[in-house]
N, C-alpha and C. Protein backbone atom coordinates (compact mmCIF):
# COMPACT_ATOMS: atom_id res chain seq x y z
N UNK A 1 17.11 -0.48 -0.63
CA UNK A 1 16.97 -0.72 0.84
C UNK A 1 18.29 -1.42 1.38
N UNK A 2 19.18 -1.46 0.61
CA UNK A 2 20.46 -1.95 1.05
C UNK A 2 21.11 -1.47 2.25
N UNK A 3 21.05 -0.18 2.32
CA UNK A 3 21.58 0.62 3.58
C UNK A 3 20.75 0.11 4.78
N UNK A 4 19.66 -0.45 4.69
CA UNK A 4 19.06 -0.97 5.93
C UNK A 4 19.04 -2.56 6.00
N UNK A 5 19.69 -3.03 5.13
CA UNK A 5 19.76 -4.62 5.10
C UNK A 5 18.40 -5.24 5.19
N UNK A 6 17.37 -4.61 4.46
CA UNK A 6 16.01 -5.05 4.44
C UNK A 6 15.70 -5.28 2.97
N UNK A 7 15.45 -6.47 2.51
CA UNK A 7 14.89 -6.65 1.32
C UNK A 7 13.65 -5.95 0.84
N UNK A 8 13.33 -5.73 -0.41
CA UNK A 8 11.95 -5.19 -0.78
C UNK A 8 10.91 -5.92 -0.41
N UNK A 9 11.12 -7.36 -0.42
CA UNK A 9 9.97 -8.28 0.03
C UNK A 9 9.59 -8.10 1.46
N UNK A 10 10.75 -7.91 2.35
CA UNK A 10 10.39 -7.71 3.73
C UNK A 10 9.82 -6.39 4.05
N UNK A 11 10.36 -5.43 3.27
CA UNK A 11 9.74 -3.98 3.53
C UNK A 11 8.27 -3.97 3.20
N UNK A 12 7.94 -4.55 2.08
CA UNK A 12 6.59 -4.56 1.63
C UNK A 12 5.72 -5.46 2.63
N UNK A 13 6.40 -6.45 3.25
CA UNK A 13 5.51 -7.27 4.40
C UNK A 13 5.48 -6.44 5.57
N UNK A 14 6.56 -5.77 6.01
CA UNK A 14 6.34 -4.94 6.96
C UNK A 14 5.41 -3.91 6.81
N UNK A 15 5.30 -3.25 5.84
CA UNK A 15 4.32 -2.09 5.41
C UNK A 15 2.86 -2.61 5.29
N UNK A 16 2.79 -3.84 4.80
CA UNK A 16 1.40 -4.39 4.81
C UNK A 16 0.90 -4.56 6.22
N UNK A 17 1.68 -5.10 7.21
CA UNK A 17 1.29 -5.31 8.61
C UNK A 17 1.05 -3.92 9.19
N UNK A 18 1.85 -2.95 9.02
CA UNK A 18 1.78 -1.73 9.59
C UNK A 18 0.47 -1.00 9.04
N UNK A 19 0.10 -1.20 7.82
CA UNK A 19 -1.14 -0.55 7.28
C UNK A 19 -2.25 -1.21 7.81
N UNK A 20 -2.27 -2.52 8.26
CA UNK A 20 -3.19 -3.24 8.94
C UNK A 20 -3.39 -2.94 10.40
N UNK A 21 -2.76 -1.88 11.02
CA UNK A 21 -2.91 -1.60 12.28
C UNK A 21 -1.83 -2.25 13.23
N UNK A 22 -0.74 -2.85 12.56
CA UNK A 22 0.25 -3.45 13.28
C UNK A 22 0.17 -5.06 13.49
N UNK A 23 -0.93 -5.59 13.06
CA UNK A 23 -1.16 -7.03 13.16
C UNK A 23 -2.02 -7.52 12.12
N UNK A 24 -2.00 -8.61 11.60
CA UNK A 24 -2.92 -9.23 10.80
C UNK A 24 -2.92 -10.71 10.63
N UNK A 25 -3.87 -11.39 10.31
CA UNK A 25 -3.80 -12.71 10.03
C UNK A 25 -2.90 -13.27 8.93
N UNK A 26 -2.24 -14.11 9.08
CA UNK A 26 -1.21 -14.76 8.09
C UNK A 26 -1.95 -14.68 6.76
N UNK A 27 -3.22 -15.49 6.72
CA UNK A 27 -3.80 -15.68 5.39
C UNK A 27 -4.17 -14.37 4.79
N UNK A 28 -4.62 -13.28 5.53
CA UNK A 28 -4.97 -11.93 4.96
C UNK A 28 -3.50 -11.30 4.43
N UNK A 29 -2.50 -11.38 5.00
CA UNK A 29 -1.09 -10.97 4.72
C UNK A 29 -0.71 -11.65 3.39
N UNK A 30 -1.01 -12.92 3.19
CA UNK A 30 -0.62 -13.67 2.03
C UNK A 30 -1.53 -13.11 0.79
N UNK A 31 -2.80 -12.70 1.03
CA UNK A 31 -3.65 -12.23 0.04
C UNK A 31 -3.22 -10.67 -0.21
N UNK A 32 -2.85 -9.83 0.83
CA UNK A 32 -2.36 -8.63 0.54
C UNK A 32 -1.07 -8.54 -0.31
N UNK A 33 -0.23 -9.42 0.01
CA UNK A 33 1.07 -9.57 -0.84
C UNK A 33 1.09 -10.27 -2.23
N UNK A 34 0.15 -11.14 -2.46
CA UNK A 34 -0.15 -11.88 -3.53
C UNK A 34 0.97 -12.89 -3.63
N UNK A 35 1.39 -13.47 -2.37
CA UNK A 35 2.24 -14.55 -2.17
C UNK A 35 1.59 -15.85 -2.10
N UNK A 36 2.38 -16.81 -2.34
CA UNK A 36 1.98 -18.15 -1.98
C UNK A 36 2.26 -18.45 -0.48
N UNK A 37 1.54 -19.23 0.12
CA UNK A 37 1.62 -19.43 1.56
C UNK A 37 2.98 -19.99 1.94
N UNK A 38 3.39 -21.05 1.17
CA UNK A 38 4.80 -21.60 1.54
C UNK A 38 5.81 -20.57 1.55
N UNK A 39 5.81 -19.64 0.59
CA UNK A 39 6.87 -18.69 0.34
C UNK A 39 6.74 -17.60 1.38
N UNK A 40 5.58 -17.14 1.81
CA UNK A 40 5.39 -16.23 2.98
C UNK A 40 5.80 -16.85 4.20
N UNK A 41 5.41 -18.29 4.30
CA UNK A 41 5.74 -18.74 5.77
C UNK A 41 7.30 -18.86 5.88
N UNK A 42 8.21 -19.04 4.79
CA UNK A 42 9.60 -19.04 5.07
C UNK A 42 10.13 -17.63 5.25
N UNK A 43 9.42 -16.78 4.52
CA UNK A 43 9.90 -15.27 4.79
C UNK A 43 9.64 -14.97 6.16
N UNK A 44 8.47 -15.23 6.83
CA UNK A 44 7.98 -14.88 8.13
C UNK A 44 9.00 -15.67 9.16
N UNK A 45 9.35 -16.97 8.77
CA UNK A 45 10.29 -17.65 9.67
C UNK A 45 11.48 -16.74 10.03
N UNK A 46 12.11 -16.29 8.64
CA UNK A 46 13.44 -15.53 8.87
C UNK A 46 13.20 -14.22 9.59
N UNK A 47 12.10 -13.57 9.22
CA UNK A 47 11.75 -12.12 9.77
C UNK A 47 11.46 -12.36 11.18
N UNK A 48 10.96 -13.52 11.78
CA UNK A 48 10.68 -13.73 13.12
C UNK A 48 11.99 -14.01 13.84
N UNK A 49 12.88 -14.75 13.21
CA UNK A 49 14.26 -15.08 13.78
C UNK A 49 15.03 -13.76 13.94
N UNK A 50 14.77 -12.85 12.92
CA UNK A 50 15.46 -11.50 13.12
C UNK A 50 14.91 -10.47 13.84
N UNK A 51 13.84 -10.97 14.49
CA UNK A 51 13.10 -9.99 15.47
C UNK A 51 12.16 -9.00 14.85
N UNK A 52 11.79 -9.03 13.68
CA UNK A 52 10.94 -7.96 12.93
C UNK A 52 9.54 -8.17 13.31
N UNK A 53 9.04 -9.45 13.38
CA UNK A 53 7.74 -9.75 13.49
C UNK A 53 7.53 -11.10 14.63
N UNK A 54 6.33 -11.09 15.05
CA UNK A 54 5.92 -12.13 16.00
C UNK A 54 4.74 -12.94 15.44
N UNK A 55 4.68 -14.06 15.59
CA UNK A 55 3.50 -14.80 15.29
C UNK A 55 2.96 -15.57 16.42
N UNK A 56 1.53 -15.48 16.63
CA UNK A 56 0.84 -16.03 17.67
C UNK A 56 -0.39 -16.92 17.26
N UNK A 57 -0.50 -17.92 17.74
CA UNK A 57 -1.67 -18.85 17.25
C UNK A 57 -3.06 -18.20 17.91
N UNK A 58 -3.91 -17.91 17.20
CA UNK A 58 -5.15 -17.32 17.75
C UNK A 58 -6.36 -17.84 16.91
N UNK A 59 -6.80 -19.03 17.38
CA UNK A 59 -7.88 -19.80 16.78
C UNK A 59 -9.09 -18.94 16.75
N UNK A 60 -9.90 -19.08 15.55
CA UNK A 60 -11.02 -18.36 15.45
C UNK A 60 -12.13 -19.43 15.38
N UNK A 61 -13.52 -19.12 15.48
CA UNK A 61 -14.45 -20.01 15.10
C UNK A 61 -14.50 -20.60 13.77
N UNK A 62 -13.99 -19.78 12.85
CA UNK A 62 -14.14 -20.25 11.50
C UNK A 62 -12.79 -20.82 10.89
N UNK A 63 -11.73 -20.78 11.81
CA UNK A 63 -10.48 -21.25 11.42
C UNK A 63 -9.62 -21.38 12.70
N UNK A 64 -9.46 -22.73 13.08
CA UNK A 64 -9.01 -23.11 14.26
C UNK A 64 -7.32 -23.02 14.19
N UNK A 65 -6.87 -22.94 12.89
CA UNK A 65 -5.58 -22.91 12.79
C UNK A 65 -4.76 -21.39 12.51
N UNK A 66 -5.83 -20.44 12.81
CA UNK A 66 -5.44 -19.11 12.48
C UNK A 66 -4.17 -18.68 13.32
N UNK A 67 -3.23 -17.98 12.59
CA UNK A 67 -2.07 -17.39 13.19
C UNK A 67 -2.00 -15.83 12.69
N UNK A 68 -1.73 -15.11 13.68
CA UNK A 68 -1.58 -13.64 13.66
C UNK A 68 -0.18 -13.33 13.63
N UNK A 69 0.12 -12.46 12.75
CA UNK A 69 1.54 -11.81 12.68
C UNK A 69 1.45 -10.49 13.05
N UNK A 70 2.38 -9.99 13.85
CA UNK A 70 2.51 -8.77 14.34
C UNK A 70 3.82 -8.03 14.39
N UNK A 71 3.87 -6.82 14.13
CA UNK A 71 5.01 -6.18 14.16
C UNK A 71 5.64 -5.89 15.49
N UNK A 72 6.97 -6.21 15.67
CA UNK A 72 7.83 -6.02 16.98
C UNK A 72 8.11 -4.50 16.97
N UNK A 73 8.54 -4.04 18.02
CA UNK A 73 9.10 -2.57 18.13
C UNK A 73 10.34 -2.46 17.08
N UNK A 74 11.25 -3.53 17.14
CA UNK A 74 12.31 -3.57 16.00
C UNK A 74 11.77 -3.44 14.69
N UNK A 75 10.63 -4.30 14.25
CA UNK A 75 10.34 -4.18 13.06
C UNK A 75 9.56 -2.91 12.46
N UNK A 76 9.03 -2.21 13.46
CA UNK A 76 8.10 -0.99 13.25
C UNK A 76 9.36 -0.04 13.07
N UNK A 77 10.43 0.03 13.94
CA UNK A 77 11.22 1.12 13.70
C UNK A 77 12.15 0.78 12.33
N UNK A 78 12.48 -0.36 12.03
CA UNK A 78 13.23 -0.59 10.81
C UNK A 78 12.38 -0.32 9.56
N UNK A 79 11.06 -0.59 9.69
CA UNK A 79 10.17 -0.18 8.53
C UNK A 79 10.24 1.38 8.33
N UNK A 80 10.00 2.02 9.40
CA UNK A 80 9.85 3.35 9.52
C UNK A 80 11.11 4.25 8.79
N UNK A 81 12.48 3.59 9.41
CA UNK A 81 13.73 4.14 8.86
C UNK A 81 13.86 3.85 7.14
N UNK A 82 13.50 2.55 6.99
CA UNK A 82 13.55 2.25 5.39
C UNK A 82 12.47 3.01 4.75
N UNK A 83 11.47 3.42 5.23
CA UNK A 83 10.31 4.06 4.43
C UNK A 83 10.95 5.49 4.03
N UNK A 84 11.63 6.15 4.94
CA UNK A 84 12.13 7.40 4.82
C UNK A 84 13.20 7.24 3.60
N UNK A 85 14.00 6.26 3.61
CA UNK A 85 15.01 6.06 2.50
C UNK A 85 14.28 5.77 1.10
N UNK A 86 13.24 4.86 1.34
CA UNK A 86 12.53 4.54 0.11
C UNK A 86 11.83 5.77 -0.67
N UNK A 87 11.10 6.48 0.27
CA UNK A 87 10.30 7.83 -0.27
C UNK A 87 11.40 8.80 -1.07
N UNK A 88 12.58 8.92 -0.24
CA UNK A 88 13.77 9.73 -0.78
C UNK A 88 14.22 9.23 -2.23
N UNK A 89 14.36 8.03 -2.24
CA UNK A 89 14.73 7.41 -3.54
C UNK A 89 13.72 7.77 -4.61
N UNK A 90 12.44 7.55 -4.32
CA UNK A 90 11.43 7.69 -5.24
C UNK A 90 11.38 9.05 -5.70
N UNK A 91 11.56 9.92 -4.73
CA UNK A 91 11.64 11.46 -5.10
C UNK A 91 12.87 11.73 -6.15
N UNK A 92 13.96 11.23 -5.70
CA UNK A 92 15.27 11.44 -6.24
C UNK A 92 15.30 10.59 -7.99
N UNK A 93 14.77 9.65 -7.85
CA UNK A 93 14.91 8.91 -9.22
C UNK A 93 13.73 8.83 -10.07
N UNK A 94 12.47 9.31 -9.51
CA UNK A 94 11.36 9.21 -10.28
C UNK A 94 10.59 10.50 -10.32
N UNK A 95 10.12 11.09 -9.04
CA UNK A 95 9.25 12.21 -9.13
C UNK A 95 9.90 13.51 -9.54
N UNK A 96 10.98 13.66 -9.29
CA UNK A 96 11.65 15.04 -9.71
C UNK A 96 11.77 15.01 -11.20
N UNK A 97 11.84 13.86 -11.95
CA UNK A 97 11.83 13.95 -13.46
C UNK A 97 10.35 14.14 -14.10
N UNK A 98 9.38 14.27 -13.24
CA UNK A 98 7.94 14.38 -13.88
C UNK A 98 7.71 15.92 -13.99
N UNK A 99 6.85 16.14 -15.09
CA UNK A 99 6.45 17.46 -15.15
C UNK A 99 4.97 17.54 -14.64
N UNK A 100 4.61 18.89 -14.50
CA UNK A 100 3.12 19.00 -14.04
C UNK A 100 1.92 18.16 -14.90
N UNK A 101 2.34 18.06 -16.15
CA UNK A 101 1.38 17.53 -17.08
C UNK A 101 1.59 16.00 -16.71
N UNK A 102 2.84 15.47 -16.57
CA UNK A 102 2.94 14.03 -16.31
C UNK A 102 2.21 13.56 -14.97
N UNK A 103 2.32 14.50 -13.99
CA UNK A 103 1.74 14.40 -12.77
C UNK A 103 0.09 14.29 -12.69
N UNK A 104 -0.51 15.28 -13.67
CA UNK A 104 -1.78 15.27 -13.88
C UNK A 104 -2.35 13.98 -14.72
N UNK A 105 -1.59 13.44 -15.58
CA UNK A 105 -1.83 12.35 -16.33
C UNK A 105 -1.96 10.99 -15.32
N UNK A 106 -0.82 11.01 -14.55
CA UNK A 106 -0.79 9.89 -13.65
C UNK A 106 -2.00 9.97 -12.57
N UNK A 107 -2.42 11.22 -12.13
CA UNK A 107 -3.37 11.33 -11.22
C UNK A 107 -4.74 10.86 -11.73
N UNK A 108 -4.98 11.19 -13.02
CA UNK A 108 -6.13 10.64 -13.75
C UNK A 108 -6.16 9.23 -13.84
N UNK A 109 -5.00 8.51 -14.12
CA UNK A 109 -5.04 7.17 -14.29
C UNK A 109 -5.31 6.54 -13.11
N UNK A 110 -4.60 7.01 -11.95
CA UNK A 110 -4.61 6.29 -10.67
C UNK A 110 -6.04 6.51 -9.98
N UNK A 111 -6.78 7.64 -10.36
CA UNK A 111 -8.04 7.75 -9.71
C UNK A 111 -9.17 6.56 -10.34
N UNK A 112 -8.78 6.03 -11.56
CA UNK A 112 -9.59 5.05 -12.12
C UNK A 112 -9.53 3.61 -11.35
N UNK A 113 -8.48 3.56 -10.43
CA UNK A 113 -8.26 2.39 -9.69
C UNK A 113 -8.73 2.56 -8.31
N UNK A 114 -9.26 3.81 -7.84
CA UNK A 114 -9.99 3.90 -6.64
C UNK A 114 -9.19 4.09 -5.63
């Protein structure tokens, strides 16, 4: 992701938010990424400073401290461009080396995880 100046951690974070429809509660993002709240908070600080995400305080009845993080147009565009590169790299360095038998075996394994 070097050509996009986007770390893999930032790429995964942007992807998780995108997959959730473009916004999600910080607590849910923390769970989705398997991160510690303090680590994610620092990452989101930097991502917000760089214009990739925006955080808004949105109190809920069950959590008055709830914060929602959403993608900015810049964050969405950067993720999209980096995703093209990521998919190309996976194809080039991994997928093209697999045989049909390898792919069938992987499909069997991954279907066990739903």
